[in-house]
């Protein structure tokens, strides 16, 4: 999670619900946008409901890129600098333009979409927040076979995109069916938001790469960017970029609060050798009731597991413990 995000630390949802009673109606996105950014949005039930921390992470990362490539003597935020961005496929929420302009008063955003219902909802959300972003967000109609970059925009400092993940409705259905556990919330995305028949997210981002080169001539926009949902999509897309230029950046957006587990061990009870000894009734007395040989703390955030050694001096024991955890993580099914 980006360190400037208000969601980098644990969010007390019980406290949030006291201030925003509508949270009880599962309107978390609307409550977070109101609480932290003063934004009022309405979200159609049949369109994607964006998660605020994830979207904010993307916006904050783009801010860092813009600040660090401004050409000035420092990489600090320049409050007087006008920045123009484009959100390809802005959706009904128009969340990227709203977050970008609400957090930076000199930023201007364009949002495009091909869906008439999403366009109406996006424009209504912009109008609702005229006091925060008035005059700095423009929502434009696009078409499925038209250019991704509107021809009337001459200068862009960056572009953003959260592309459709799947290449077909069947792939989308198969992905949902393959999950070992039911999703924590139902996906309300329309077919146009979830499926791109030209190759899913790889095909869509490949199109961004190709059209960006024509649009910018290798230097029109500072940053052309997109999120991807699957790690497997990254390698072919990076190769496409590297074939054009060596100037690119990749990052990982990690979600969720950090989970911590603390523990102690009196000896090795996890190795195959130890398990065999226990099965034969030969476990060492020191392991069963002796003094603590090792203390540890495990932190899990997103896909990263960090193990800290808090007590003891037996590095072989600690390395064996870390090896056991590593095997467990690799063997755990991903859901």
C-alpha atoms as a PDB file:
ATOM      1  CA  UNK A   1       0.000   0.000   0.000  1.00  0.00           C
ATOM      2  CA  UNK A   2       1.312   3.459  -0.884  1.00  0.00           C
ATOM      3  CA  UNK A   3       2.615   5.244   2.252  1.00  0.00           C
ATOM      4  CA  UNK A   4       0.567   8.388   1.499  1.00  0.00           C
ATOM      5  CA  UNK A   5      -2.662   6.406   1.343  1.00  0.00           C
ATOM      6  CA  UNK A   6      -5.024   6.758   4.314  1.00  0.00           C
ATOM      7  CA  UNK A   7      -5.551   3.000   3.936  1.00  0.00           C
ATOM      8  CA  UNK A   8      -1.903   2.097   4.577  1.00  0.00           C
ATOM      9  CA  UNK A   9      -2.850   1.336   8.177  1.00  0.00           C
ATOM     10  CA  UNK A  10      -5.776  -0.616   9.573  1.00  0.00           C
ATOM     11  CA  UNK A  11      -9.187   0.950   8.944  1.00  0.00           C
ATOM     12  CA  UNK A  12     -11.677   0.703  11.818  1.00  0.00           C
ATOM     13  CA  UNK A  13     -14.863  -0.052   9.882  1.00  0.00           C
ATOM     14  CA  UNK A  14     -16.992  -0.061  13.035  1.00  0.00           C
ATOM     15  CA  UNK A  15     -15.954   3.527  13.704  1.00  0.00           C
ATOM     16  CA  UNK A  16     -16.518   4.372  10.042  1.00  0.00           C
ATOM     17  CA  UNK A  17     -20.039   2.985  10.198  1.00  0.00           C
ATOM     18  CA  UNK A  18     -20.853   5.263  13.151  1.00  0.00           C
ATOM     19  CA  UNK A  19     -20.071   8.315  11.060  1.00  0.00           C
ATOM     20  CA  UNK A  20     -21.586   6.925   7.870  1.00  0.00           C
ATOM     21  CA  UNK A  21     -24.647   4.764   8.667  1.00  0.00           C
ATOM     22  CA  UNK A  22     -25.088   3.811   5.008  1.00  0.00           C
ATOM     23  CA  UNK A  23     -22.060   1.529   5.417  1.00  0.00           C
ATOM     24  CA  UNK A  24     -24.510  -0.991   6.820  1.00  0.00           C
ATOM     25  CA  UNK A  25     -25.935  -1.131   3.279  1.00  0.00           C
ATOM     26  CA  UNK A  26     -22.566  -2.235   1.878  1.00  0.00           C
ATOM     27  CA  UNK A  27     -21.794   1.170   0.438  1.00  0.00           C
ATOM     28  CA  UNK A  28     -18.174   1.137   1.542  1.00  0.00           C
ATOM     29  CA  UNK A  29     -16.829   2.779  -1.606  1.00  0.00           C
ATOM     30  CA  UNK A  30     -19.180   5.755  -1.307  1.00  0.00           C
ATOM     31  CA  UNK A  31     -18.373   6.179   2.401  1.00  0.00           C
ATOM     32  CA  UNK A  32     -14.601   6.112   1.903  1.00  0.00           C
ATOM     33  CA  UNK A  33     -14.745   8.622  -0.948  1.00  0.00           C
ATOM     34  CA  UNK A  34     -16.856  10.958   1.179  1.00  0.00           C
ATOM     35  CA  UNK A  35     -14.826  10.560   4.350  1.00  0.00           C
ATOM     36  CA  UNK A  36     -11.327  11.002   2.943  1.00  0.00           C
ATOM     37  CA  UNK A  37     -11.853  13.113  -0.191  1.00  0.00           C
ATOM     38  CA  UNK A  38     -15.181  14.895   0.260  1.00  0.00           C
ATOM     39  CA  UNK A  39     -16.487  13.222  -2.901  1.00  0.00           C
ATOM     40  CA  UNK A  40     -20.136  12.267  -3.416  1.00  0.00           C
ATOM     41  CA  UNK A  41     -20.787   9.484  -5.930  1.00  0.00           C
ATOM     42  CA  UNK A  42     -23.669   7.320  -7.051  1.00  0.00           C
ATOM     43  CA  UNK A  43     -22.857   3.849  -8.346  1.00  0.00           C
ATOM     44  CA  UNK A  44     -25.233   1.926 -10.660  1.00  0.00           C
ATOM     45  CA  UNK A  45     -25.973  -1.573  -9.401  1.00  0.00           C
ATOM     46  CA  UNK A  46     -25.164  -3.132 -12.786  1.00  0.00           C
ATOM     47  CA  UNK A  47     -21.707  -1.592 -13.198  1.00  0.00           C
ATOM     48  CA  UNK A  48     -18.383  -2.154 -11.456  1.00  0.00           C
ATOM     49  CA  UNK A  49     -18.107  -0.840  -7.909  1.00  0.00           C
ATOM     50  CA  UNK A  50     -14.422   0.147  -7.555  1.00  0.00           C
ATOM     51  CA  UNK A  51     -12.380  -0.509  -4.430  1.00  0.00           C
ATOM     52  CA  UNK A  52     -11.030   2.835  -3.232  1.00  0.00           C
ATOM     53  CA  UNK A  53      -7.633   1.742  -1.770  1.00  0.00           C
ATOM     54  CA  UNK A  54      -6.635  -0.024  -4.984  1.00  0.00           C
ATOM     55  CA  UNK A  55      -7.658   2.880  -7.220  1.00  0.00           C
ATOM     56  CA  UNK A  56      -6.003   5.409  -4.924  1.00  0.00           C
ATOM     57  CA  UNK A  57      -2.765   3.403  -5.005  1.00  0.00           C
ATOM     58  CA  UNK A  58      -2.696   3.795  -8.788  1.00  0.00           C
ATOM     59  CA  UNK A  59      -3.346   7.547  -8.590  1.00  0.00           C
ATOM     60  CA  UNK A  60      -0.652   8.063  -5.939  1.00  0.00           C
ATOM     61  CA  UNK A  61       1.858   6.091  -8.003  1.00  0.00           C
ATOM     62  CA  UNK A  62       1.136   8.255 -11.034  1.00  0.00           C
ATOM     63  CA  UNK A  63       1.643  11.339  -8.868  1.00  0.00           C
ATOM     64  CA  UNK A  64       5.064  10.013  -7.872  1.00  0.00           C
ATOM     65  CA  UNK A  65       5.994   9.343 -11.502  1.00  0.00           C
ATOM     66  CA  UNK A  66       4.913  12.810 -12.591  1.00  0.00           C
ATOM     67  CA  UNK A  67       6.762  14.468  -9.693  1.00  0.00           C
ATOM     68  CA  UNK A  68       9.958  12.518 -10.300  1.00  0.00           C
ATOM     69  CA  UNK A  69      10.059  13.204 -14.051  1.00  0.00           C
ATOM     70  CA  UNK A  70       9.141  16.870 -14.048  1.00  0.00           C
ATOM     71  CA  UNK A  71      12.538  17.925 -15.337  1.00  0.00           C
ATOM     72  CA  UNK A  72      13.034  20.236 -12.378  1.00  0.00           C
ATOM     73  CA  UNK A  73      15.849  20.254  -9.830  1.00  0.00           C
ATOM     74  CA  UNK A  74      13.899  18.064  -7.355  1.00  0.00           C
ATOM     75  CA  UNK A  75      11.293  15.318  -7.437  1.00  0.00           C
ATOM     76  CA  UNK A  76       9.002  17.150  -5.014  1.00  0.00           C
ATOM     77  CA  UNK A  77       5.366  17.898  -5.756  1.00  0.00           C
ATOM     78  CA  UNK A  78       4.977  21.266  -7.483  1.00  0.00           C
ATOM     79  CA  UNK A  79       1.545  22.674  -6.475  1.00  0.00           C
ATOM     80  CA  UNK A  80       1.658  25.277  -9.254  1.00  0.00           C
ATOM     81  CA  UNK A  81       2.231  22.809 -12.095  1.00  0.00           C
ATOM     82  CA  UNK A  82      -0.727  22.036 -14.364  1.00  0.00           C
ATOM     83  CA  UNK A  83      -0.916  18.330 -15.213  1.00  0.00           C
ATOM     84  CA  UNK A  84      -3.268  16.754 -17.769  1.00  0.00           C
ATOM     85  CA  UNK A  85      -4.194  13.071 -17.643  1.00  0.00           C
ATOM     86  CA  UNK A  86      -6.465  10.629 -19.441  1.00  0.00           C
ATOM     87  CA  UNK A  87      -8.397   7.698 -17.959  1.00  0.00           C
ATOM     88  CA  UNK A  88      -9.184   5.143 -20.689  1.00  0.00           C
ATOM     89  CA  UNK A  89     -12.451   3.409 -19.795  1.00  0.00           C
ATOM     90  CA  UNK A  90     -13.358   5.608 -16.860  1.00  0.00           C
ATOM     91  CA  UNK A  91     -16.487   3.636 -15.959  1.00  0.00           C
ATOM     92  CA  UNK A  92     -19.630   4.788 -14.197  1.00  0.00           C
ATOM     93  CA  UNK A  93     -17.792   5.923 -11.077  1.00  0.00           C
ATOM     94  CA  UNK A  94     -15.233   8.105 -12.896  1.00  0.00           C
ATOM     95  CA  UNK A  95     -13.114   7.308  -9.847  1.00  0.00           C
ATOM     96  CA  UNK A  96      -9.624   7.935 -11.247  1.00  0.00           C
ATOM     97  CA  UNK A  97     -10.360  11.469 -12.500  1.00  0.00           C
ATOM     98  CA  UNK A  98     -12.235  12.287  -9.296  1.00  0.00           C
ATOM     99  CA  UNK A  99      -9.440  11.058  -7.012  1.00  0.00           C
ATOM    100  CA  UNK A 100      -6.738  12.707  -9.115  1.00  0.00           C
ATOM    101  CA  UNK A 101      -8.411  16.112  -9.236  1.00  0.00           C
ATOM    102  CA  UNK A 102      -9.667  16.052  -5.645  1.00  0.00           C
ATOM    103  CA  UNK A 103      -6.148  15.417  -4.346  1.00  0.00           C
ATOM    104  CA  UNK A 104      -4.305  17.824  -6.673  1.00  0.00           C
ATOM    105  CA  UNK A 105      -5.952  21.192  -7.436  1.00  0.00           C
ATOM    106  CA  UNK A 106      -3.944  21.861 -10.618  1.00  0.00           C
ATOM    107  CA  UNK A 107      -4.615  18.506 -12.229  1.00  0.00           C
ATOM    108  CA  UNK A 108      -7.034  18.204 -15.149  1.00  0.00           C
ATOM    109  CA  UNK A 109      -8.453  14.862 -16.310  1.00  0.00           C
ATOM    110  CA  UNK A 110     -10.207  13.408 -19.314  1.00  0.00           C
ATOM    111  CA  UNK A 111     -12.204  10.188 -19.017  1.00  0.00           C
ATOM    112  CA  UNK A 112     -13.427   8.084 -21.919  1.00  0.00           C
ATOM    113  CA  UNK A 113     -15.876   5.202 -22.185  1.00  0.00           C
ATOM    114  CA  UNK A 114     -17.837   3.310 -24.835  1.00  0.00           C
ATOM    115  CA  UNK A 115     -20.865   2.492 -22.663  1.00  0.00           C
ATOM    116  CA  UNK A 116     -23.736   4.986 -22.721  1.00  0.00           C
ATOM    117  CA  UNK A 117     -24.988   4.149 -19.223  1.00  0.00           C
ATOM    118  CA  UNK A 118     -21.484   4.460 -17.746  1.00  0.00           C
ATOM    119  CA  UNK A 119     -20.976   7.785 -19.510  1.00  0.00           C
ATOM    120  CA  UNK A 120     -24.207   9.186 -18.069  1.00  0.00           C
ATOM    121  CA  UNK A 121     -23.296   8.045 -14.561  1.00  0.00           C
ATOM    122  CA  UNK A 122     -19.728   9.356 -14.849  1.00  0.00           C
ATOM    123  CA  UNK A 123     -20.870  12.807 -15.968  1.00  0.00           C
ATOM    124  CA  UNK A 124     -23.417  12.898 -13.154  1.00  0.00           C
ATOM    125  CA  UNK A 125     -20.695  12.074 -10.624  1.00  0.00           C
ATOM    126  CA  UNK A 126     -18.508  14.852 -11.995  1.00  0.00           C
ATOM    127  CA  UNK A 127     -21.423  17.293 -11.697  1.00  0.00           C
ATOM    128  CA  UNK A 128     -22.091  16.196  -8.102  1.00  0.00           C
ATOM    129  CA  UNK A 129     -18.558  17.196  -7.176  1.00  0.00           C
ATOM    130  CA  UNK A 130     -18.299  20.511  -8.982  1.00  0.00           C
ATOM    131  CA  UNK A 131     -17.205  22.188  -5.748  1.00  0.00           C
ATOM    132  CA  UNK A 132     -14.133  19.904  -5.607  1.00  0.00           C
ATOM    133  CA  UNK A 133     -13.231  19.360  -9.257  1.00  0.00           C
ATOM    134  CA  UNK A 134     -15.394  21.836 -11.177  1.00  0.00           C
ATOM    135  CA  UNK A 135     -14.159  22.485 -14.713  1.00  0.00           C
ATOM    136  CA  UNK A 136     -11.199  20.113 -14.450  1.00  0.00           C
ATOM    137  CA  UNK A 137     -12.788  16.820 -15.569  1.00  0.00           C
ATOM    138  CA  UNK A 138     -14.164  16.163 -19.045  1.00  0.00           C
ATOM    139  CA  UNK A 139     -15.907  12.870 -19.889  1.00  0.00           C
ATOM    140  CA  UNK A 140     -15.784  11.955 -23.580  1.00  0.00           C
ATOM    141  CA  UNK A 141     -17.640   9.378 -25.675  1.00  0.00           C
ATOM    142  CA  UNK A 142     -15.511   6.703 -27.307  1.00  0.00           C
ATOM    143  CA  UNK A 143     -16.232   3.695 -29.531  1.00  0.00           C
ATOM    144  CA  UNK A 144     -14.998   0.112 -29.452  1.00  0.00           C
ATOM    145  CA  UNK A 145     -13.197   0.441 -32.778  1.00  0.00           C
ATOM    146  CA  UNK A 146     -12.163   4.088 -32.406  1.00  0.00           C
ATOM    147  CA  UNK A 147      -8.830   5.481 -31.173  1.00  0.00           C
ATOM    148  CA  UNK A 148      -8.026   5.075 -27.492  1.00  0.00           C
ATOM    149  CA  UNK A 149      -6.572   8.585 -27.360  1.00  0.00           C
ATOM    150  CA  UNK A 150      -9.138  11.266 -28.300  1.00  0.00           C
ATOM    151  CA  UNK A 151      -7.833  13.177 -31.345  1.00  0.00           C
ATOM    152  CA  UNK A 152      -8.738  16.596 -29.911  1.00  0.00           C
ATOM    153  CA  UNK A 153      -6.325  16.370 -26.968  1.00  0.00           C
ATOM    154  CA  UNK A 154      -2.936  17.736 -27.956  1.00  0.00           C
ATOM    155  CA  UNK A 155      -0.991  17.414 -24.705  1.00  0.00           C
ATOM    156  CA  UNK A 156      -1.116  14.672 -22.100  1.00  0.00           C
ATOM    157  CA  UNK A 157       1.213  14.199 -19.170  1.00  0.00           C
ATOM    158  CA  UNK A 158      -0.020  10.682 -18.433  1.00  0.00           C
ATOM    159  CA  UNK A 159      -2.699   8.109 -19.173  1.00  0.00           C
ATOM    160  CA  UNK A 160      -4.323   5.485 -16.937  1.00  0.00           C
ATOM    161  CA  UNK A 161      -6.368   2.376 -17.621  1.00  0.00           C
ATOM    162  CA  UNK A 162      -7.975  -0.525 -15.772  1.00  0.00           C
ATOM    163  CA  UNK A 163      -8.586  -2.804 -18.770  1.00  0.00           C
ATOM    164  CA  UNK A 164     -11.073  -5.660 -19.179  1.00  0.00           C
ATOM    165  CA  UNK A 165      -9.462  -8.779 -17.702  1.00  0.00           C
ATOM    166  CA  UNK A 166     -10.910 -11.538 -19.855  1.00  0.00           C
ATOM    167  CA  UNK A 167     -10.823 -12.478 -23.537  1.00  0.00           C
ATOM    168  CA  UNK A 168     -14.309 -14.025 -23.505  1.00  0.00           C
ATOM    169  CA  UNK A 169     -17.368 -14.510 -21.351  1.00  0.00           C
ATOM    170  CA  UNK A 170     -16.449 -18.194 -21.095  1.00  0.00           C
ATOM    171  CA  UNK A 171     -13.020 -17.345 -19.681  1.00  0.00           C
ATOM    172  CA  UNK A 172     -14.650 -15.030 -17.159  1.00  0.00           C
ATOM    173  CA  UNK A 173     -17.075 -17.755 -16.071  1.00  0.00           C
ATOM    174  CA  UNK A 174     -14.295 -20.359 -15.867  1.00  0.00           C
ATOM    175  CA  UNK A 175     -12.189 -18.069 -13.682  1.00  0.00           C
ATOM    176  CA  UNK A 176     -15.064 -17.559 -11.254  1.00  0.00           C
ATOM    177  CA  UNK A 177     -15.836 -21.287 -11.155  1.00  0.00           C
ATOM    178  CA  UNK A 178     -12.181 -22.164 -10.448  1.00  0.00           C
ATOM    179  CA  UNK A 179     -12.046 -20.199  -7.210  1.00  0.00           C
ATOM    180  CA  UNK A 180     -11.895 -22.462  -4.171  1.00  0.00           C
ATOM    181  CA  UNK A 181     -13.942 -20.030  -2.065  1.00  0.00           C
ATOM    182  CA  UNK A 182     -16.867 -17.778  -2.988  1.00  0.00           C
ATOM    183  CA  UNK A 183     -15.955 -14.133  -3.627  1.00  0.00           C
ATOM    184  CA  UNK A 184     -16.336 -11.711  -0.748  1.00  0.00           C
ATOM    185  CA  UNK A 185     -18.630  -9.592  -2.889  1.00  0.00           C
ATOM    186  CA  UNK A 186     -20.465 -10.170  -6.139  1.00  0.00           C
ATOM    187  CA  UNK A 187     -18.955  -8.822  -9.336  1.00  0.00           C
ATOM    188  CA  UNK A 188     -21.371  -6.305 -10.827  1.00  0.00           C
ATOM    189  CA  UNK A 189     -19.265  -5.488 -13.887  1.00  0.00           C
ATOM    190  CA  UNK A 190     -20.943  -5.338 -17.284  1.00  0.00           C
ATOM    191  CA  UNK A 191     -19.678  -7.419 -20.200  1.00  0.00           C
ATOM    192  CA  UNK A 192     -17.856  -4.405 -21.636  1.00  0.00           C
ATOM    193  CA  UNK A 193     -16.054  -3.807 -18.346  1.00  0.00           C
ATOM    194  CA  UNK A 194     -14.947  -7.417 -17.865  1.00  0.00           C
ATOM    195  CA  UNK A 195     -14.384  -8.813 -21.384  1.00  0.00           C
ATOM    196  CA  UNK A 196     -12.274  -7.643 -24.338  1.00  0.00           C
ATOM    197  CA  UNK A 197     -12.599 -10.076 -27.240  1.00  0.00           C
ATOM    198  CA  UNK A 198      -9.369  -8.803 -28.753  1.00  0.00           C
ATOM    199  CA  UNK A 199      -7.277 -10.746 -26.243  1.00  0.00           C
ATOM    200  CA  UNK A 200      -8.354  -9.750 -22.755  1.00  0.00           C
ATOM    201  CA  UNK A 201      -6.109  -7.456 -20.758  1.00  0.00           C
ATOM    202  CA  UNK A 202      -2.977  -8.396 -22.736  1.00  0.00           C
ATOM    203  CA  UNK A 203      -4.680  -7.541 -26.008  1.00  0.00           C
ATOM    204  CA  UNK A 204      -6.097  -4.281 -24.664  1.00  0.00           C
ATOM    205  CA  UNK A 205      -2.831  -3.063 -23.152  1.00  0.00           C
ATOM    206  CA  UNK A 206      -0.978  -4.111 -26.317  1.00  0.00           C
ATOM    207  CA  UNK A 207      -3.331  -1.803 -28.172  1.00  0.00           C
ATOM    208  CA  UNK A 208      -2.481   1.013 -25.756  1.00  0.00           C
ATOM    209  CA  UNK A 209       1.227   0.419 -26.404  1.00  0.00           C
ATOM    210  CA  UNK A 210       0.804   0.471 -30.185  1.00  0.00           C
ATOM    211  CA  UNK A 211      -1.495   3.502 -30.282  1.00  0.00           C
ATOM    212  CA  UNK A 212       0.595   5.417 -27.746  1.00  0.00           C
ATOM    213  CA  UNK A 213       3.579   5.269 -30.061  1.00  0.00           C
ATOM    214  CA  UNK A 214       1.552   6.760 -32.887  1.00  0.00           C
ATOM    215  CA  UNK A 215      -0.128   9.282 -30.596  1.00  0.00           C
ATOM    216  CA  UNK A 216       3.036  10.474 -28.893  1.00  0.00           C
ATOM    217  CA  UNK A 217       5.619   9.793 -31.546  1.00  0.00           C
ATOM    218  CA  UNK A 218       7.811   8.435 -28.769  1.00  0.00           C
ATOM    219  CA  UNK A 219       7.509  11.585 -26.685  1.00  0.00           C
ATOM    220  CA  UNK A 220       3.997  13.065 -26.686  1.00  0.00           C
ATOM    221  CA  UNK A 221       2.913  11.962 -23.207  1.00  0.00           C
ATOM    222  CA  UNK A 222       5.196  11.570 -20.249  1.00  0.00           C
ATOM    223  CA  UNK A 223       3.704   8.258 -19.095  1.00  0.00           C
ATOM    224  CA  UNK A 224       1.328   5.808 -20.773  1.00  0.00           C
ATOM    225  CA  UNK A 225       0.188   3.338 -18.141  1.00  0.00           C
ATOM    226  CA  UNK A 226      -2.216   0.524 -17.322  1.00  0.00           C
ATOM    227  CA  UNK A 227      -2.958  -1.883 -14.514  1.00  0.00           C
ATOM    228  CA  UNK A 228      -3.060  -5.623 -15.168  1.00  0.00           C
ATOM    229  CA  UNK A 229      -4.871  -8.163 -13.045  1.00  0.00           C
ATOM    230  CA  UNK A 230      -2.822 -11.278 -13.792  1.00  0.00           C
ATOM    231  CA  UNK A 231       0.912 -11.687 -13.219  1.00  0.00           C
ATOM    232  CA  UNK A 232       1.152 -13.817 -16.352  1.00  0.00           C
ATOM    233  CA  UNK A 233       0.109 -10.793 -18.422  1.00  0.00           C
ATOM    234  CA  UNK A 234       3.121  -8.754 -17.354  1.00  0.00           C
ATOM    235  CA  UNK A 235       5.971 -10.524 -19.161  1.00  0.00           C
ATOM    236  CA  UNK A 236       4.610 -10.279 -22.739  1.00  0.00           C
ATOM    237  CA  UNK A 237       3.595  -6.653 -22.208  1.00  0.00           C
ATOM    238  CA  UNK A 238       7.019  -5.671 -20.860  1.00  0.00           C
ATOM    239  CA  UNK A 239       8.605  -7.306 -23.897  1.00  0.00           C
ATOM    240  CA  UNK A 240       6.378  -5.200 -26.166  1.00  0.00           C
ATOM    241  CA  UNK A 241       7.459  -2.045 -24.341  1.00  0.00           C
ATOM    242  CA  UNK A 242      11.148  -3.000 -24.398  1.00  0.00           C
ATOM    243  CA  UNK A 243      10.925  -3.468 -28.162  1.00  0.00           C
ATOM    244  CA  UNK A 244      10.004   0.231 -28.367  1.00  0.00           C
ATOM    245  CA  UNK A 245      11.901   1.883 -25.532  1.00  0.00           C
ATOM    246  CA  UNK A 246      14.009   1.218 -22.465  1.00  0.00           C
ATOM    247  CA  UNK A 247      12.201   3.907 -20.473  1.00  0.00           C
ATOM    248  CA  UNK A 248       9.495   2.132 -18.505  1.00  0.00           C
ATOM    249  CA  UNK A 249       8.483   1.349 -14.924  1.00  0.00           C
ATOM    250  CA  UNK A 250       6.676  -1.547 -13.236  1.00  0.00           C
ATOM    251  CA  UNK A 251       5.238  -1.718  -9.729  1.00  0.00           C
ATOM    252  CA  UNK A 252       2.966  -3.956  -7.651  1.00  0.00           C
ATOM    253  CA  UNK A 253      -0.089  -2.630  -5.836  1.00  0.00           C
ATOM    254  CA  UNK A 254      -0.510  -4.524  -2.579  1.00  0.00           C
ATOM    255  CA  UNK A 255      -3.865  -4.499  -0.898  1.00  0.00           C
ATOM    256  CA  UNK A 256      -5.171  -5.192   2.550  1.00  0.00           C
ATOM    257  CA  UNK A 257      -4.049  -4.624   6.104  1.00  0.00           C
ATOM    258  CA  UNK A 258      -0.930  -6.312   7.442  1.00  0.00           C
ATOM    259  CA  UNK A 259      -1.626  -9.484   9.418  1.00  0.00           C
ATOM    260  CA  UNK A 260       0.813 -10.330  12.228  1.00  0.00           C
ATOM    261  CA  UNK A 261       1.393 -13.600  14.041  1.00  0.00           C
ATOM    262  CA  UNK A 262       3.827 -13.967  16.941  1.00  0.00           C
ATOM    263  CA  UNK A 263       5.089 -17.251  18.334  1.00  0.00           C
ATOM    264  CA  UNK A 264       7.781 -19.206  20.137  1.00  0.00           C
ATOM    265  CA  UNK A 265       9.432 -22.605  19.647  1.00  0.00           C
ATOM    266  CA  UNK A 266      11.327 -24.828  22.039  1.00  0.00           C
ATOM    267  CA  UNK A 267      12.929 -26.703  19.188  1.00  0.00           C
ATOM    268  CA  UNK A 268      12.376 -28.202  15.757  1.00  0.00           C
ATOM    269  CA  UNK A 269       8.915 -29.736  15.537  1.00  0.00           C
ATOM    270  CA  UNK A 270       8.290 -29.007  11.842  1.00  0.00           C
ATOM    271  CA  UNK A 271      10.951 -30.849   9.843  1.00  0.00           C
ATOM    272  CA  UNK A 272      10.313 -34.265   8.332  1.00  0.00           C
ATOM    273  CA  UNK A 273      12.867 -35.728  10.729  1.00  0.00           C
ATOM    274  CA  UNK A 274      11.070 -34.205  13.723  1.00  0.00           C
ATOM    275  CA  UNK A 275       7.689 -35.439  12.530  1.00  0.00           C
ATOM    276  CA  UNK A 276       9.025 -38.960  12.108  1.00  0.00           C
ATOM    277  CA  UNK A 277      10.530 -38.884  15.617  1.00  0.00           C
ATOM    278  CA  UNK A 278       7.226 -37.689  17.051  1.00  0.00           C
ATOM    279  CA  UNK A 279       5.358 -40.465  15.233  1.00  0.00           C
ATOM    280  CA  UNK A 280       7.696 -42.994  16.880  1.00  0.00           C
ATOM    281  CA  UNK A 281       7.212 -41.388  20.283  1.00  0.00           C
ATOM    282  CA  UNK A 282      10.810 -40.169  20.393  1.00  0.00           C
ATOM    283  CA  UNK A 283      10.244 -36.396  20.691  1.00  0.00           C
ATOM    284  CA  UNK A 284      12.905 -34.676  22.805  1.00  0.00           C
ATOM    285  CA  UNK A 285      11.815 -33.672  26.298  1.00  0.00           C
ATOM    286  CA  UNK A 286      13.371 -30.225  25.739  1.00  0.00           C
ATOM    287  CA  UNK A 287      11.116 -29.664  22.730  1.00  0.00           C
ATOM    288  CA  UNK A 288       7.973 -30.694  24.589  1.00  0.00           C
ATOM    289  CA  UNK A 289       8.558 -28.776  27.810  1.00  0.00           C
ATOM    290  CA  UNK A 290      11.952 -27.123  27.780  1.00  0.00           C
ATOM    291  CA  UNK A 291      13.011 -23.523  27.470  1.00  0.00           C
ATOM    292  CA  UNK A 292      12.132 -21.369  24.482  1.00  0.00           C
ATOM    293  CA  UNK A 293      14.828 -21.590  21.811  1.00  0.00           C
ATOM    294  CA  UNK A 294      13.373 -19.180  19.270  1.00  0.00           C
ATOM    295  CA  UNK A 295      10.841 -16.362  19.097  1.00  0.00           C
ATOM    296  CA  UNK A 296       9.401 -15.099  15.811  1.00  0.00           C
ATOM    297  CA  UNK A 297       6.953 -12.671  14.288  1.00  0.00           C
ATOM    298  CA  UNK A 298       5.307 -13.226  10.902  1.00  0.00           C
ATOM    299  CA  UNK A 299       3.837 -10.341   8.910  1.00  0.00           C
ATOM    300  CA  UNK A 300       1.659 -10.993   5.872  1.00  0.00           C
ATOM    301  CA  UNK A 301       0.677  -8.196   3.504  1.00  0.00           C
ATOM    302  CA  UNK A 302      -0.653  -8.935   0.065  1.00  0.00           C
ATOM    303  CA  UNK A 303       1.587 -11.585  -1.468  1.00  0.00           C
ATOM    304  CA  UNK A 304       4.570 -10.902   0.806  1.00  0.00           C
ATOM    305  CA  UNK A 305       5.494 -12.823   3.964  1.00  0.00           C
ATOM    306  CA  UNK A 306       8.118 -11.316   6.285  1.00  0.00           C
ATOM    307  CA  UNK A 307       9.562 -13.354   9.156  1.00  0.00           C
ATOM    308  CA  UNK A 308      11.378 -11.571  11.986  1.00  0.00           C
ATOM    309  CA  UNK A 309      13.612 -13.376  14.465  1.00  0.00           C
ATOM    310  CA  UNK A 310      12.781 -11.927  17.902  1.00  0.00           C
ATOM    311  CA  UNK A 311      14.421 -14.338  20.339  1.00  0.00           C
ATOM    312  CA  UNK A 312      17.173 -16.971  20.466  1.00  0.00           C
ATOM    313  CA  UNK A 313      20.607 -17.492  18.912  1.00  0.00           C
ATOM    314  CA  UNK A 314      20.272 -20.742  16.946  1.00  0.00           C
ATOM    315  CA  UNK A 315      20.405 -19.551  13.343  1.00  0.00           C
ATOM    316  CA  UNK A 316      20.103 -23.123  12.018  1.00  0.00           C
ATOM    317  CA  UNK A 317      16.790 -23.483  13.827  1.00  0.00           C
ATOM    318  CA  UNK A 318      15.550 -20.155  12.455  1.00  0.00           C
ATOM    319  CA  UNK A 319      16.607 -20.964   8.878  1.00  0.00           C
ATOM    320  CA  UNK A 320      14.880 -24.350   9.147  1.00  0.00           C
ATOM    321  CA  UNK A 321      11.702 -22.610  10.305  1.00  0.00           C
ATOM    322  CA  UNK A 322      11.861 -20.138   7.400  1.00  0.00           C
ATOM    323  CA  UNK A 323      12.359 -23.024   4.977  1.00  0.00           C
ATOM    324  CA  UNK A 324       9.244 -24.731   6.314  1.00  0.00           C
ATOM    325  CA  UNK A 325       7.214 -21.519   5.883  1.00  0.00           C
ATOM    326  CA  UNK A 326       8.533 -21.074   2.356  1.00  0.00           C
ATOM    327  CA  UNK A 327       7.398 -24.573   1.418  1.00  0.00           C
ATOM    328  CA  UNK A 328       3.983 -23.976   2.961  1.00  0.00           C
ATOM    329  CA  UNK A 329       3.511 -20.735   1.018  1.00  0.00           C
ATOM    330  CA  UNK A 330       4.491 -22.394  -2.274  1.00  0.00           C
ATOM    331  CA  UNK A 331       2.174 -25.345  -1.664  1.00  0.00           C
ATOM    332  CA  UNK A 332      -0.847 -23.295  -0.583  1.00  0.00           C
ATOM    333  CA  UNK A 333      -3.467 -23.086  -3.381  1.00  0.00           C
ATOM    334  CA  UNK A 334      -4.084 -19.560  -4.666  1.00  0.00           C
ATOM    335  CA  UNK A 335      -7.734 -18.551  -4.532  1.00  0.00           C
END
